[in-house]
Amino acid sequence: MVRRYPVREVSRRLGVSTHSLYKWMKLFGDPAPKVPVVDHEAENRRLKRELARVTEERDILN
């Protein structure tokens, strides 16, 4: 369980400025989770090509 404290309180307890604490948090804090970037237009084009290919294969086999 992660316990969160206000920045002002933590900076006071550590004897540092809030500015320094924010800077440390930015430099050494947990990195933001990386969300994969999806190019939806490219994915749609790829899926349409694949659909056309399998549709043609199906038509040839019938």
C-alpha atoms as a PDB file:
ATOM      1  CA  MET A   1       0.000   0.000   0.000  1.00  0.00           C
ATOM      2  CA  VAL A   2       1.373   3.403  -0.979  1.00  0.00           C
ATOM      3  CA  ARG A   3       0.735   6.227   1.422  1.00  0.00           C
ATOM      4  CA  ARG A   4       0.627   9.722  -0.049  1.00  0.00           C
ATOM      5  CA  TYR A   5       1.558  12.824   1.908  1.00  0.00           C
ATOM      6  CA  PRO A   6       1.156  16.461   0.877  1.00  0.00           C
ATOM      7  CA  VAL A   7       4.307  17.889  -0.716  1.00  0.00           C
ATOM      8  CA  ARG A   8       4.321  20.772   1.733  1.00  0.00           C
ATOM      9  CA  GLU A   9       4.356  18.382   4.706  1.00  0.00           C
ATOM     10  CA  VAL A  10       7.107  16.196   3.245  1.00  0.00           C
ATOM     11  CA  SER A  11       9.283  19.181   2.352  1.00  0.00           C
ATOM     12  CA  ARG A  12       8.852  20.552   5.885  1.00  0.00           C
ATOM     13  CA  ARG A  13       9.775  17.183   7.443  1.00  0.00           C
ATOM     14  CA  LEU A  14      12.859  16.868   5.236  1.00  0.00           C
ATOM     15  CA  GLY A  15      13.866  20.487   5.702  1.00  0.00           C
ATOM     16  CA  VAL A  16      13.925  21.265   1.985  1.00  0.00           C
ATOM     17  CA  SER A  17      11.951  23.615  -0.208  1.00  0.00           C
ATOM     18  CA  THR A  18       8.871  22.408  -2.052  1.00  0.00           C
ATOM     19  CA  HIS A  19      10.655  23.418  -5.266  1.00  0.00           C
ATOM     20  CA  SER A  20      13.531  21.030  -4.472  1.00  0.00           C
ATOM     21  CA  LEU A  21      11.118  18.249  -3.608  1.00  0.00           C
ATOM     22  CA  TYR A  22       9.202  18.664  -6.870  1.00  0.00           C
ATOM     23  CA  LYS A  23      12.508  18.654  -8.759  1.00  0.00           C
ATOM     24  CA  TRP A  24      13.586  15.423  -7.020  1.00  0.00           C
ATOM     25  CA  MET A  25      10.215  13.840  -7.716  1.00  0.00           C
ATOM     26  CA  LYS A  26      10.527  14.724 -11.389  1.00  0.00           C
ATOM     27  CA  LEU A  27      14.087  13.401 -11.636  1.00  0.00           C
ATOM     28  CA  PHE A  28      13.809  10.280  -9.501  1.00  0.00           C
ATOM     29  CA  GLY A  29      10.112   9.490  -9.182  1.00  0.00           C
ATOM     30  CA  ASP A  30       8.395   6.539 -10.743  1.00  0.00           C
ATOM     31  CA  PRO A  31       8.323   6.860 -14.499  1.00  0.00           C
ATOM     32  CA  ALA A  32       4.906   7.254 -16.035  1.00  0.00           C
ATOM     33  CA  PRO A  33       3.555   4.002 -17.425  1.00  0.00           C
ATOM     34  CA  LYS A  34       4.283   3.772 -21.103  1.00  0.00           C
ATOM     35  CA  VAL A  35       1.171   3.462 -23.193  1.00  0.00           C
ATOM     36  CA  PRO A  36       1.768   1.980 -26.608  1.00  0.00           C
ATOM     37  CA  VAL A  37       1.033   4.461 -29.354  1.00  0.00           C
ATOM     38  CA  VAL A  38      -1.292   2.997 -31.940  1.00  0.00           C
ATOM     39  CA  ASP A  39      -1.574   4.428 -35.414  1.00  0.00           C
ATOM     40  CA  HIS A  40      -5.233   3.590 -35.994  1.00  0.00           C
ATOM     41  CA  GLU A  41      -5.215   4.649 -39.637  1.00  0.00           C
ATOM     42  CA  ALA A  42      -2.260   2.402 -40.450  1.00  0.00           C
ATOM     43  CA  GLU A  43      -3.849  -0.475 -38.537  1.00  0.00           C
ATOM     44  CA  ASN A  44      -7.130   0.025 -40.440  1.00  0.00           C
ATOM     45  CA  ARG A  45      -5.290  -0.002 -43.789  1.00  0.00           C
ATOM     46  CA  ARG A  46      -3.472  -3.193 -42.819  1.00  0.00           C
ATOM     47  CA  LEU A  47      -6.693  -4.885 -41.727  1.00  0.00           C
ATOM     48  CA  LYS A  48      -8.495  -3.852 -44.924  1.00  0.00           C
ATOM     49  CA  ARG A  49      -5.669  -5.326 -47.025  1.00  0.00           C
ATOM     50  CA  GLU A  50      -5.815  -8.540 -45.027  1.00  0.00           C
ATOM     51  CA  LEU A  51      -9.602  -8.702 -45.365  1.00  0.00           C
ATOM     52  CA  ALA A  52      -9.350  -8.211 -49.125  1.00  0.00           C
ATOM     53  CA  ARG A  53      -6.737 -10.981 -49.350  1.00  0.00           C
ATOM     54  CA  VAL A  54      -8.700 -13.555 -47.348  1.00  0.00           C
ATOM     55  CA  THR A  55     -11.933 -12.616 -49.137  1.00  0.00           C
ATOM     56  CA  GLU A  56     -10.210 -13.263 -52.473  1.00  0.00           C
ATOM     57  CA  GLU A  57      -8.836 -16.584 -51.190  1.00  0.00           C
ATOM     58  CA  ARG A  58     -12.302 -17.596 -50.022  1.00  0.00           C
ATOM     59  CA  ASP A  59     -13.845 -16.673 -53.373  1.00  0.00           C
ATOM     60  CA  ILE A  60     -11.194 -18.655 -55.262  1.00  0.00           C
ATOM     61  CA  LEU A  61     -11.776 -21.736 -53.112  1.00  0.00           C
ATOM     62  CA  ASN A  62     -15.568 -21.641 -53.551  1.00  0.00           C
END
